Amino acid sequence: MLPESSADVATVIGQTRSFPLLLVCEHASDAIPAHLENLGLADADRYSHAVFDIGAAHLAERLSDALGVPLVIANWSRLIYDLNRPPEAPDAIPARVETIDIPGNRSLSAADREARAEALYYPFHKVVSDTLDAFDTAPTLVTIHSFTPVWNGAPRAVEIGFLHDADPTLAEAMLAAYDGPHRTALNEPYSAKDGVTHTLARHATARGLRNVMIEVRNDLLSDDAAIDVVATALAGALTAALEEVAA
């Protein structure tokens, strides 16, 4: 069965603290309900970047610990429903990701798609909204993602991207403040025009909150030591950027 409650859809890690910031990781999990039979994925693709953002959950948890802020983390694969897409988006339930076919998502009826949205999308975003509401001070929203080093045969040089929705302030400040060992860029390897800032738009832009989407190339998240390097650099950049935009 698909999840039946918001508690099944998302986990909130940490408590709302005096530091007003919420982390969200929409593509954290590789879990697929047994009755969906792995959506017909080939064995080689079952734990690929198409299924989840590799390393993103561990990175988000490290940042949550380092900053002392709560994290909303998704419990199910984005192939069941991509929580960073609205129900009307064709790629909310993709039948193909890059070169990877997802047979279990082919030929879904409108009712099938709506059932997935009802089970996953709406409950997840209610958790995000409720967690934002629990802050005493208007928080910043930061979403954490990872991306594959090669996409459709093209290598990606950028290692960390800072993306924004309508307001570029925090993304630009993080880019300027970043002092880690990685190649960084603004709005790479994606941007709002690719439809990837839906969570930011729904929860931050709509409320007038500072926001940024952080994309990390997943080969930088291969083990605990590597994740620590990225998390330390990002925590420093985010803290410095928030101080800058508040000045």
Protein backbone atom coordinates (compact mmCIF):
# COMPACT_ATOMS: atom_id res chain seq x y z
CA MET A 1 0.00 0.00 0.00
CA LEU A 2 1.00 3.62 -0.47
CA PRO A 3 1.50 5.60 2.75
CA GLU A 4 -1.71 6.57 4.51
CA SER A 5 -0.52 9.34 6.84
CA SER A 6 1.92 12.24 6.87
CA ALA A 7 3.95 10.38 9.50
CA ASP A 8 4.64 7.70 6.87
CA VAL A 9 5.55 10.22 4.19
CA ALA A 10 8.11 12.36 6.02
CA THR A 11 10.31 12.35 9.08
CA VAL A 12 11.15 15.52 10.99
CA ILE A 13 14.63 15.30 12.49
CA GLY A 14 15.59 17.72 15.25
CA GLN A 15 13.51 20.33 17.00
CA THR A 16 12.68 23.88 16.03
CA ARG A 17 15.48 25.92 17.62
CA SER A 18 16.11 29.62 18.16
CA PHE A 19 18.08 29.69 14.89
CA PRO A 20 15.33 30.20 12.30
CA LEU A 21 16.18 27.80 9.49
CA LEU A 22 14.52 24.70 8.07
CA LEU A 23 16.24 22.09 5.92
CA VAL A 24 14.22 19.94 3.51
CA CYS A 25 15.40 16.87 1.57
CA GLU A 26 12.68 15.81 -0.88
CA HIS A 27 14.65 13.10 -2.70
CA ALA A 28 16.23 11.46 0.34
CA SER A 29 14.93 7.91 0.10
CA ASP A 30 15.33 4.93 -2.22
CA ALA A 31 12.33 3.13 -0.65
CA ILE A 32 9.64 1.73 -2.96
CA PRO A 33 6.58 -0.10 -1.53
CA ALA A 34 6.80 -3.84 -2.11
CA HIS A 35 3.51 -4.00 -3.99
CA LEU A 36 4.93 -1.72 -6.70
CA GLU A 37 7.57 -4.39 -7.45
CA ASN A 38 10.41 -1.89 -7.81
CA LEU A 39 8.37 -0.16 -10.53
CA GLY A 40 9.85 -2.67 -12.98
CA LEU A 41 13.30 -1.11 -12.73
CA ALA A 42 16.28 -3.07 -14.04
CA ASP A 43 18.41 -4.42 -11.20
CA ALA A 44 21.30 -2.15 -12.24
CA ASP A 45 19.07 0.90 -11.88
CA ARG A 46 17.34 0.09 -8.59
CA TYR A 47 19.64 2.29 -6.48
CA SER A 48 20.66 4.78 -9.16
CA HIS A 49 20.40 8.58 -9.16
CA ALA A 50 17.01 8.19 -10.83
CA VAL A 51 15.61 6.60 -7.69
CA PHE A 52 16.92 9.10 -5.13
CA ASP A 53 19.51 11.83 -4.57
CA ILE A 54 22.53 9.75 -3.61
CA GLY A 55 24.17 11.03 -0.43
CA ALA A 56 21.73 13.91 0.02
CA ALA A 57 20.05 12.50 3.13
CA HIS A 58 23.35 12.01 4.95
CA LEU A 59 24.50 15.49 3.95
CA ALA A 60 21.24 17.03 5.14
CA GLU A 61 21.49 15.19 8.47
CA ARG A 62 25.06 16.44 8.98
CA LEU A 63 23.94 20.01 8.27
CA SER A 64 21.00 19.64 10.63
CA ASP A 65 23.37 18.53 13.39
CA ALA A 66 25.99 21.18 12.63
CA LEU A 67 23.53 24.07 12.53
CA GLY A 68 21.15 22.82 15.21
CA VAL A 69 18.09 23.15 12.98
CA PRO A 70 15.25 20.81 12.01
CA LEU A 71 15.16 18.75 8.84
CA VAL A 72 12.15 17.40 6.96
CA ILE A 73 13.21 14.28 5.12
CA ALA A 74 11.13 12.27 2.62
CA ASN A 75 10.62 8.57 3.30
CA TRP A 76 9.84 7.30 -0.22
CA SER A 77 11.53 7.33 -3.62
CA ARG A 78 10.92 10.24 -5.95
CA LEU A 79 9.96 7.72 -8.64
CA ILE A 80 6.70 7.05 -6.83
CA TYR A 81 6.12 10.80 -6.73
CA ASP A 82 8.65 13.62 -7.11
CA LEU A 83 7.84 15.86 -4.14
CA ASN A 84 9.63 18.78 -5.78
CA ARG A 85 7.06 18.89 -8.59
CA PRO A 86 3.40 19.96 -8.56
CA PRO A 87 0.73 17.41 -9.49
CA GLU A 88 0.23 18.93 -12.94
CA ALA A 89 3.90 18.48 -13.90
CA PRO A 90 4.45 15.56 -16.32
CA ASP A 91 7.71 14.63 -14.57
CA ALA A 92 6.09 14.41 -11.13
CA ILE A 93 5.75 10.69 -11.90
CA PRO A 94 8.32 10.02 -14.63
CA ALA A 95 8.28 7.04 -16.98
CA ARG A 96 11.91 7.69 -17.92
CA VAL A 97 14.79 9.50 -16.20
CA GLU A 98 17.76 10.19 -18.45
CA THR A 99 18.46 6.71 -19.95
CA ILE A 100 16.58 4.81 -17.23
CA ASP A 101 13.13 3.39 -17.94
CA ILE A 102 10.51 3.13 -15.19
CA PRO A 103 7.93 0.67 -16.54
CA GLY A 104 5.75 0.89 -13.42
CA ASN A 105 5.06 4.55 -14.17
CA ARG A 106 3.93 4.00 -17.76
CA SER A 107 0.31 4.35 -18.80
CA LEU A 108 -0.92 5.63 -15.44
CA SER A 109 -4.43 7.04 -15.54
CA ALA A 110 -5.27 10.49 -14.24
CA ALA A 111 -6.84 8.78 -11.23
CA ASP A 112 -3.66 6.78 -10.61
CA ARG A 113 -1.57 9.95 -10.68
CA GLU A 114 -3.94 11.78 -8.37
CA ALA A 115 -3.87 8.84 -5.93
CA ARG A 116 -0.09 9.12 -5.72
CA ALA A 117 -0.30 12.87 -5.19
CA GLU A 118 -2.89 12.42 -2.46
CA ALA A 119 -0.78 9.78 -0.75
CA LEU A 120 2.57 11.56 -0.97
CA TYR A 121 2.65 15.12 -2.29
CA TYR A 122 -0.02 16.80 -0.21
CA PRO A 123 0.91 15.14 3.12
CA PHE A 124 4.61 15.88 2.62
CA HIS A 125 4.05 19.53 1.91
CA LYS A 126 1.72 19.79 4.88
CA VAL A 127 4.59 18.57 7.08
CA VAL A 128 6.87 21.24 5.59
CA SER A 129 4.23 23.93 6.08
CA ASP A 130 3.47 22.87 9.65
CA THR A 131 7.17 22.81 10.53
CA LEU A 132 7.64 26.31 9.14
CA ASP A 133 4.64 27.48 11.15
CA ALA A 134 6.28 26.24 14.37
CA PHE A 135 9.09 28.80 14.23
CA ASP A 136 8.76 31.89 16.40
CA THR A 137 10.76 33.94 13.87
CA ALA A 138 10.31 33.77 10.09
CA PRO A 139 12.78 31.05 9.03
CA THR A 140 15.00 30.55 6.02
CA LEU A 141 14.20 27.53 3.84
CA VAL A 142 17.06 25.45 2.43
CA THR A 143 16.53 22.38 0.27
CA ILE A 144 19.29 19.78 -0.16
CA HIS A 145 19.82 17.77 -3.36
CA SER A 146 22.52 15.85 -5.21
CA PHE A 147 23.13 15.32 -8.92
CA THR A 148 24.93 12.83 -11.09
CA PRO A 149 28.40 13.74 -12.50
CA VAL A 150 27.36 12.75 -16.03
CA TRP A 151 23.95 13.48 -17.58
CA ASN A 152 23.02 12.07 -20.97
CA GLY A 153 26.68 11.47 -21.68
CA ALA A 154 27.81 15.01 -20.83
CA PRO A 155 30.19 15.46 -17.87
CA ARG A 156 29.31 18.20 -15.41
CA ALA A 157 32.20 20.36 -14.24
CA VAL A 158 30.29 22.15 -11.49
CA GLU A 159 30.50 20.42 -8.11
CA ILE A 160 28.13 22.53 -5.98
CA GLY A 161 25.32 24.71 -7.25
CA PHE A 162 23.34 27.35 -5.41
CA LEU A 163 19.89 27.74 -6.96
CA HIS A 164 17.13 30.24 -6.30
CA ASP A 165 13.51 30.81 -7.10
CA ALA A 166 12.34 34.43 -7.52
CA ASP A 167 14.72 35.90 -4.93
CA PRO A 168 18.43 35.38 -5.70
CA THR A 169 19.71 37.07 -2.53
CA LEU A 170 20.70 34.06 -0.43
CA ALA A 171 21.96 31.96 -3.34
CA GLU A 172 24.22 34.79 -4.48
CA ALA A 173 25.42 35.39 -0.92
CA MET A 174 26.27 31.70 -0.47
CA LEU A 175 28.17 31.65 -3.73
CA ALA A 176 30.21 34.65 -2.60
CA ALA A 177 30.78 33.25 0.90
CA TYR A 178 31.71 29.69 -0.09
CA ASP A 179 35.29 28.96 0.91
CA GLY A 180 35.48 25.21 0.33
CA PRO A 181 37.58 23.19 -2.13
CA HIS A 182 34.87 22.76 -4.75
CA ARG A 183 33.86 24.33 -8.06
CA THR A 184 30.68 26.31 -7.42
CA ALA A 185 28.16 28.08 -9.62
CA LEU A 186 24.86 29.92 -9.49
CA ASN A 187 21.84 28.06 -10.92
CA GLU A 188 23.83 25.03 -12.06
CA PRO A 189 23.34 22.27 -13.07
CA TYR A 190 19.66 23.33 -13.01
CA SER A 191 17.67 26.51 -12.50
CA ALA A 192 14.10 27.58 -11.83
CA LYS A 193 13.34 27.37 -15.56
CA ASP A 194 13.81 23.58 -15.26
CA GLY A 195 11.02 23.39 -12.70
CA VAL A 196 13.31 22.36 -9.83
CA THR A 197 12.45 25.13 -7.36
CA HIS A 198 8.86 24.07 -6.69
CA THR A 199 9.38 23.52 -2.95
CA LEU A 200 11.05 26.91 -2.65
CA ALA A 201 8.24 28.58 -4.58
CA ARG A 202 5.45 26.87 -2.64
CA HIS A 203 6.82 27.46 0.85
CA ALA A 204 9.40 30.26 0.75
CA THR A 205 8.50 32.58 -2.12
CA ALA A 206 4.83 32.39 -1.13
CA ARG A 207 5.71 33.45 2.44
CA GLY A 208 8.41 35.96 1.56
CA LEU A 209 11.13 33.82 3.19
CA ARG A 210 14.82 33.74 2.32
CA ASN A 211 15.62 30.53 0.48
CA VAL A 212 18.20 28.55 -1.45
CA MET A 213 18.41 25.14 -3.08
CA ILE A 214 21.80 23.43 -2.71
CA GLU A 215 22.86 20.88 -5.34
CA VAL A 216 25.96 18.76 -4.67
CA ARG A 217 27.52 16.42 -7.22
CA ASN A 218 27.05 12.97 -5.77
CA ASP A 219 30.62 11.78 -6.27
CA LEU A 220 31.50 14.26 -3.51
CA LEU A 221 29.23 12.36 -1.12
CA SER A 222 30.75 8.90 -1.48
CA ASP A 223 31.62 8.30 2.19
CA ASP A 224 31.38 9.86 5.64
CA ALA A 225 34.68 11.72 5.38
CA ALA A 226 33.75 13.29 2.05
CA ILE A 227 30.31 14.26 3.34
CA ASP A 228 31.92 15.92 6.38
CA VAL A 229 34.08 18.08 4.10
CA VAL A 230 31.07 19.26 2.11
CA ALA A 231 28.87 19.74 5.17
CA THR A 232 31.50 21.81 6.98
CA ALA A 233 32.03 24.07 3.97
CA LEU A 234 28.30 24.49 3.34
CA ALA A 235 27.51 25.21 6.99
CA GLY A 236 30.15 27.92 7.03
CA ALA A 237 28.95 29.46 3.78
CA LEU A 238 25.32 29.38 4.84
CA THR A 239 26.02 30.97 8.21
CA ALA A 240 28.16 33.70 6.62
CA ALA A 241 25.58 34.32 3.89
CA LEU A 242 22.75 34.67 6.39
CA GLU A 243 24.78 37.17 8.39
CA GLU A 244 25.49 39.10 5.19
CA VAL A 245 21.90 39.33 4.01
CA ALA A 246 20.71 40.29 7.50
CA ALA A 247 23.21 43.15 7.78
